N, C-alpha and C. Protein backbone atom coordinates (compact mmCIF):
# COMPACT_ATOMS: atom_id res chain seq x y z
N MET A 1 -17.94 0.41 12.12
CA MET A 1 -17.50 1.08 10.91
C MET A 1 -16.59 0.09 10.13
N GLU A 2 -16.68 0.32 8.81
CA GLU A 2 -15.85 -0.47 7.87
C GLU A 2 -15.07 0.41 6.96
N ALA A 3 -13.91 -0.04 6.47
CA ALA A 3 -13.09 0.74 5.60
C ALA A 3 -13.47 0.45 4.15
N GLU A 4 -13.28 1.47 3.29
CA GLU A 4 -13.63 1.27 1.90
C GLU A 4 -12.52 1.91 1.01
N LEU A 5 -12.03 1.22 0.03
CA LEU A 5 -11.02 1.69 -0.89
C LEU A 5 -11.76 2.64 -1.93
N ARG A 6 -11.23 3.82 -1.94
CA ARG A 6 -11.75 4.80 -2.96
C ARG A 6 -10.95 4.90 -4.21
N SER A 7 -9.62 4.79 -4.09
CA SER A 7 -8.75 4.77 -5.24
C SER A 7 -7.40 4.23 -4.86
N LEU A 8 -6.69 3.77 -5.92
CA LEU A 8 -5.37 3.21 -5.75
C LEU A 8 -4.57 3.68 -6.96
N ALA A 9 -3.42 4.36 -6.67
CA ALA A 9 -2.61 4.91 -7.72
C ALA A 9 -1.18 5.10 -7.19
N THR A 10 -0.31 5.65 -8.00
CA THR A 10 1.05 6.01 -7.52
C THR A 10 0.90 7.33 -6.74
N GLN A 11 1.99 7.76 -6.15
CA GLN A 11 2.00 9.00 -5.41
C GLN A 11 1.73 10.17 -6.40
N ASP A 12 2.15 9.96 -7.65
CA ASP A 12 1.94 11.00 -8.69
C ASP A 12 0.58 10.94 -9.35
N GLY A 13 -0.34 10.00 -8.89
CA GLY A 13 -1.61 9.95 -9.42
C GLY A 13 -1.83 9.07 -10.63
N GLU A 14 -0.79 8.36 -11.04
CA GLU A 14 -0.84 7.46 -12.20
C GLU A 14 -1.57 6.16 -11.83
N PHE A 15 -2.38 5.71 -12.72
CA PHE A 15 -2.99 4.39 -12.51
C PHE A 15 -1.97 3.29 -12.48
N LEU A 16 -2.17 2.30 -11.65
CA LEU A 16 -1.19 1.22 -11.50
C LEU A 16 -1.08 0.46 -12.82
N THR A 17 -2.14 0.46 -13.58
CA THR A 17 -2.05 -0.26 -14.90
C THR A 17 -1.20 0.50 -15.94
N ASP A 18 -0.92 1.77 -15.64
CA ASP A 18 -0.15 2.54 -16.59
C ASP A 18 1.40 2.58 -16.24
N ILE A 19 1.72 1.92 -15.11
CA ILE A 19 3.16 1.83 -14.85
C ILE A 19 3.64 0.38 -15.08
N GLY A 20 4.88 0.28 -15.30
CA GLY A 20 5.42 -1.07 -15.42
C GLY A 20 6.90 -1.06 -15.23
N PRO A 21 7.40 -1.93 -14.49
CA PRO A 21 8.84 -2.01 -14.28
C PRO A 21 9.57 -2.45 -15.51
N VAL A 22 10.79 -1.99 -15.62
CA VAL A 22 11.70 -2.41 -16.73
C VAL A 22 12.59 -3.46 -15.99
N GLY A 23 12.43 -4.71 -16.40
CA GLY A 23 13.20 -5.78 -15.73
C GLY A 23 12.40 -6.31 -14.53
N ASP A 24 13.18 -7.04 -13.71
CA ASP A 24 12.57 -7.69 -12.61
C ASP A 24 12.81 -7.06 -11.24
N SER A 25 13.54 -5.85 -11.29
CA SER A 25 13.79 -5.12 -10.08
C SER A 25 12.94 -3.86 -10.05
N PHE A 26 12.04 -3.81 -9.07
CA PHE A 26 11.22 -2.57 -8.96
C PHE A 26 10.83 -2.33 -7.52
N CYS A 27 10.47 -1.14 -7.23
CA CYS A 27 9.92 -0.69 -5.95
C CYS A 27 9.12 0.60 -6.23
N PHE A 28 7.80 0.50 -6.14
CA PHE A 28 6.89 1.62 -6.32
C PHE A 28 6.22 1.96 -5.06
N THR A 29 6.02 3.28 -4.89
CA THR A 29 5.19 3.71 -3.73
C THR A 29 3.76 3.87 -4.28
N VAL A 30 2.83 3.15 -3.59
CA VAL A 30 1.42 3.16 -3.99
C VAL A 30 0.61 3.93 -2.95
N ARG A 31 -0.27 4.71 -3.42
CA ARG A 31 -1.15 5.56 -2.51
C ARG A 31 -2.60 5.05 -2.60
N ALA A 32 -3.16 4.70 -1.47
CA ALA A 32 -4.56 4.27 -1.39
C ALA A 32 -5.35 5.37 -0.67
N GLU A 33 -6.45 5.76 -1.31
CA GLU A 33 -7.41 6.65 -0.60
C GLU A 33 -8.48 5.75 0.00
N ILE A 34 -8.55 5.83 1.33
CA ILE A 34 -9.49 4.94 2.04
C ILE A 34 -10.33 5.77 2.99
N GLY A 35 -11.62 5.45 3.00
CA GLY A 35 -12.52 6.16 3.89
C GLY A 35 -13.44 5.14 4.53
N SER A 36 -14.25 5.60 5.45
CA SER A 36 -15.23 4.69 6.04
C SER A 36 -16.43 4.53 5.14
N LYS A 37 -16.88 3.35 5.07
CA LYS A 37 -17.99 2.96 4.15
C LYS A 37 -19.16 3.90 4.42
N GLY A 38 -19.71 4.48 3.33
CA GLY A 38 -20.94 5.27 3.43
C GLY A 38 -20.67 6.69 3.77
N SER A 39 -19.39 7.14 3.99
CA SER A 39 -19.11 8.50 4.36
C SER A 39 -18.46 9.17 3.16
N VAL A 40 -18.32 10.49 3.31
CA VAL A 40 -17.64 11.30 2.30
C VAL A 40 -16.24 11.58 2.78
N GLY A 41 -15.30 11.60 1.84
CA GLY A 41 -13.89 11.84 2.17
C GLY A 41 -13.08 10.60 2.40
N ALA A 42 -11.74 10.81 2.42
CA ALA A 42 -10.87 9.65 2.53
C ALA A 42 -9.55 10.16 3.04
N ASP A 43 -8.81 9.26 3.74
CA ASP A 43 -7.43 9.57 4.09
C ASP A 43 -6.49 8.84 3.17
N LEU A 44 -5.23 9.26 3.16
CA LEU A 44 -4.21 8.70 2.27
C LEU A 44 -3.34 7.71 3.07
N PHE A 45 -3.07 6.59 2.45
CA PHE A 45 -2.19 5.57 3.04
C PHE A 45 -1.24 5.15 1.93
N ASP A 46 0.06 5.18 2.28
CA ASP A 46 1.06 4.83 1.24
C ASP A 46 1.77 3.48 1.71
N PHE A 47 2.12 2.73 0.75
CA PHE A 47 2.93 1.53 0.94
C PHE A 47 3.75 1.28 -0.32
N ASP A 48 4.85 0.53 -0.19
CA ASP A 48 5.71 0.22 -1.32
C ASP A 48 5.46 -1.20 -1.81
N VAL A 49 5.51 -1.35 -3.07
CA VAL A 49 5.42 -2.66 -3.72
C VAL A 49 6.72 -2.86 -4.41
N CYS A 50 7.45 -3.90 -3.91
CA CYS A 50 8.79 -4.15 -4.35
C CYS A 50 8.97 -5.57 -4.77
N SER A 51 10.05 -5.82 -5.56
CA SER A 51 10.34 -7.16 -6.02
C SER A 51 11.46 -7.77 -5.15
N PRO A 52 11.60 -9.06 -5.04
CA PRO A 52 12.65 -9.65 -4.39
C PRO A 52 14.06 -9.21 -4.95
N SER A 53 14.10 -8.98 -6.23
CA SER A 53 15.33 -8.54 -6.89
C SER A 53 15.76 -7.21 -6.33
N TRP A 54 14.79 -6.29 -6.20
CA TRP A 54 15.04 -4.99 -5.63
C TRP A 54 15.66 -5.12 -4.23
N LEU A 55 14.95 -6.01 -3.41
CA LEU A 55 15.44 -6.27 -2.07
C LEU A 55 16.90 -6.77 -2.03
N ASP A 56 17.16 -7.74 -2.94
CA ASP A 56 18.51 -8.26 -3.04
C ASP A 56 19.55 -7.14 -3.33
N SER A 57 19.20 -6.29 -4.29
CA SER A 57 20.13 -5.18 -4.64
C SER A 57 20.27 -4.20 -3.47
N GLU A 58 19.21 -3.94 -2.74
CA GLU A 58 19.30 -3.06 -1.60
C GLU A 58 20.19 -3.66 -0.50
N LEU A 59 20.07 -4.97 -0.30
CA LEU A 59 20.87 -5.66 0.68
C LEU A 59 22.31 -5.71 0.33
N ASP A 60 22.55 -5.61 -0.94
CA ASP A 60 23.99 -5.53 -1.41
C ASP A 60 24.63 -4.19 -0.93
N ARG A 61 23.78 -3.19 -0.86
CA ARG A 61 24.27 -1.82 -0.44
C ARG A 61 24.14 -1.55 1.05
N HIS A 62 23.19 -2.19 1.71
CA HIS A 62 22.96 -1.89 3.10
C HIS A 62 22.89 -3.26 3.90
N SER A 63 23.54 -3.30 5.04
CA SER A 63 23.59 -4.61 5.80
C SER A 63 22.24 -4.91 6.42
N VAL A 64 21.50 -3.85 6.75
CA VAL A 64 20.15 -4.00 7.37
C VAL A 64 19.19 -3.10 6.77
N LEU A 65 17.98 -3.61 6.50
CA LEU A 65 16.88 -2.79 5.97
C LEU A 65 15.60 -3.00 6.82
N PRO A 66 14.87 -1.97 7.08
CA PRO A 66 13.61 -2.22 7.78
C PRO A 66 12.55 -2.73 6.79
N GLY A 67 11.66 -3.55 7.28
CA GLY A 67 10.55 -4.03 6.42
C GLY A 67 9.51 -3.04 6.23
N GLY A 68 9.11 -2.36 7.29
CA GLY A 68 8.10 -1.32 7.19
C GLY A 68 6.86 -1.73 6.43
N GLN A 69 6.33 -0.83 5.70
CA GLN A 69 5.12 -1.05 4.99
C GLN A 69 5.44 -1.30 3.54
N ARG A 70 6.00 -2.50 3.33
CA ARG A 70 6.41 -2.94 1.96
C ARG A 70 5.68 -4.26 1.68
N LEU A 71 5.21 -4.38 0.43
CA LEU A 71 4.65 -5.61 -0.05
C LEU A 71 5.67 -6.12 -1.08
N PHE A 72 5.82 -7.42 -1.11
CA PHE A 72 6.76 -7.99 -2.09
C PHE A 72 6.08 -8.94 -3.04
N MET A 73 6.43 -8.82 -4.31
CA MET A 73 5.83 -9.66 -5.38
C MET A 73 6.91 -9.79 -6.42
N ARG A 74 6.98 -11.02 -7.06
CA ARG A 74 8.00 -11.30 -8.07
C ARG A 74 7.70 -10.53 -9.37
N LYS A 75 6.41 -10.39 -9.73
CA LYS A 75 6.09 -9.73 -10.96
C LYS A 75 5.01 -8.67 -10.56
N PHE A 76 5.16 -7.43 -11.10
CA PHE A 76 4.19 -6.37 -10.75
C PHE A 76 2.83 -6.64 -11.42
N GLU A 77 1.85 -6.91 -10.61
CA GLU A 77 0.52 -7.22 -11.09
C GLU A 77 -0.45 -6.26 -10.33
N PRO A 78 -0.90 -5.19 -10.99
CA PRO A 78 -1.81 -4.20 -10.40
C PRO A 78 -3.11 -4.84 -9.76
N ASP A 79 -3.64 -5.81 -10.50
CA ASP A 79 -4.89 -6.44 -9.96
C ASP A 79 -4.60 -7.16 -8.64
N ALA A 80 -3.42 -7.82 -8.58
CA ALA A 80 -3.10 -8.53 -7.32
C ALA A 80 -2.86 -7.53 -6.17
N VAL A 81 -2.30 -6.40 -6.47
CA VAL A 81 -2.11 -5.35 -5.44
C VAL A 81 -3.50 -4.91 -4.93
N GLU A 82 -4.40 -4.57 -5.87
CA GLU A 82 -5.73 -4.21 -5.42
C GLU A 82 -6.48 -5.28 -4.65
N LEU A 83 -6.41 -6.48 -5.06
CA LEU A 83 -7.00 -7.58 -4.38
C LEU A 83 -6.47 -7.72 -2.93
N TYR A 84 -5.21 -7.58 -2.79
CA TYR A 84 -4.54 -7.64 -1.49
C TYR A 84 -5.10 -6.52 -0.59
N VAL A 85 -5.15 -5.25 -1.09
CA VAL A 85 -5.65 -4.15 -0.33
C VAL A 85 -7.11 -4.38 0.09
N ARG A 86 -7.93 -4.78 -0.84
CA ARG A 86 -9.36 -4.98 -0.51
C ARG A 86 -9.45 -6.12 0.54
N LYS A 87 -8.68 -7.19 0.44
CA LYS A 87 -8.70 -8.20 1.43
C LYS A 87 -8.35 -7.71 2.81
N ARG A 88 -7.30 -6.90 2.91
CA ARG A 88 -6.86 -6.35 4.20
C ARG A 88 -7.91 -5.40 4.75
N LEU A 89 -8.59 -4.70 3.86
CA LEU A 89 -9.58 -3.71 4.39
C LEU A 89 -10.80 -4.44 4.94
N ARG A 90 -11.06 -5.64 4.54
CA ARG A 90 -12.23 -6.40 5.13
C ARG A 90 -12.00 -6.63 6.59
N HIS A 91 -10.75 -6.62 7.01
CA HIS A 91 -10.40 -6.85 8.47
C HIS A 91 -10.22 -5.54 9.24
N ALA A 92 -10.26 -4.44 8.52
CA ALA A 92 -10.10 -3.16 9.14
C ALA A 92 -11.44 -2.57 9.55
N THR A 93 -11.89 -2.97 10.75
CA THR A 93 -13.17 -2.49 11.26
C THR A 93 -12.88 -1.91 12.62
N GLY A 94 -13.83 -1.11 13.10
CA GLY A 94 -13.73 -0.56 14.44
C GLY A 94 -14.87 0.39 14.76
N ALA A 95 -14.97 0.79 15.99
CA ALA A 95 -16.04 1.74 16.43
C ALA A 95 -15.81 3.11 15.97
N LYS A 96 -14.50 3.47 15.84
CA LYS A 96 -14.08 4.80 15.39
C LYS A 96 -13.04 4.75 14.29
N TRP A 97 -12.98 5.82 13.52
CA TRP A 97 -12.07 5.81 12.36
C TRP A 97 -10.64 5.62 12.79
N ASN A 98 -10.21 6.15 13.94
CA ASN A 98 -8.83 6.02 14.35
C ASN A 98 -8.49 4.52 14.58
N GLU A 99 -9.42 3.76 15.05
CA GLU A 99 -9.18 2.30 15.20
C GLU A 99 -8.94 1.64 13.87
N ILE A 100 -9.76 2.03 12.89
CA ILE A 100 -9.64 1.45 11.50
C ILE A 100 -8.32 1.89 10.91
N ALA A 101 -7.97 3.16 10.97
CA ALA A 101 -6.72 3.70 10.47
C ALA A 101 -5.48 3.02 11.11
N SER A 102 -5.62 2.72 12.38
CA SER A 102 -4.53 2.07 13.11
C SER A 102 -4.28 0.68 12.54
N LYS A 103 -5.36 -0.02 12.25
CA LYS A 103 -5.25 -1.35 11.66
C LYS A 103 -4.67 -1.28 10.25
N ILE A 104 -5.06 -0.32 9.47
CA ILE A 104 -4.48 -0.16 8.14
C ILE A 104 -3.05 0.23 8.24
N GLY A 105 -2.72 0.97 9.32
CA GLY A 105 -1.32 1.43 9.52
C GLY A 105 -0.35 0.32 9.80
N GLU A 106 -0.84 -0.90 10.07
CA GLU A 106 0.08 -2.01 10.17
C GLU A 106 0.73 -2.37 8.90
N TRP A 107 0.10 -2.03 7.74
CA TRP A 107 0.72 -2.34 6.47
C TRP A 107 0.86 -1.16 5.52
N ALA A 108 0.36 -0.01 5.94
CA ALA A 108 0.47 1.23 5.09
C ALA A 108 0.70 2.45 5.99
N ARG A 109 1.43 3.42 5.46
CA ARG A 109 1.73 4.67 6.22
C ARG A 109 0.52 5.63 6.11
N TRP A 110 -0.06 5.91 7.22
CA TRP A 110 -1.21 6.80 7.25
C TRP A 110 -0.70 8.26 7.26
N GLU A 111 -1.38 9.12 6.46
CA GLU A 111 -0.87 10.49 6.31
C GLU A 111 -0.90 11.24 7.65
N PHE A 112 -1.70 10.81 8.62
CA PHE A 112 -1.78 11.55 9.92
C PHE A 112 -1.01 10.77 11.03
N ALA A 113 -0.31 9.71 10.74
CA ALA A 113 0.43 9.04 11.76
C ALA A 113 1.62 9.85 12.14
N GLY A 114 1.97 9.79 13.43
CA GLY A 114 3.12 10.69 13.77
C GLY A 114 3.85 10.18 14.93
């Protein structure tokens, strides 16, 4: 089985091209709908896209922060985010969907993870 990206948007359903940070400090939660290639349906996976400036400001307020499922980029570029997701999905293969979802879960929060 192979993973396939069905959509990429904010948690509120906005297209990534429709959002834009004001300044150089940002952190957006992105939602990817991903399913197995050739099947119907998809599961939701969330991850944060943040700037180094945002990280700096958070570290000013907290002495320790978890990395979790965050991607960092200096400038918010929706096409670069999508390219990154598609590249990671090429490596998300397995005999069963849970194997694939587990691999995606290394960099995104699966809606059914617990």
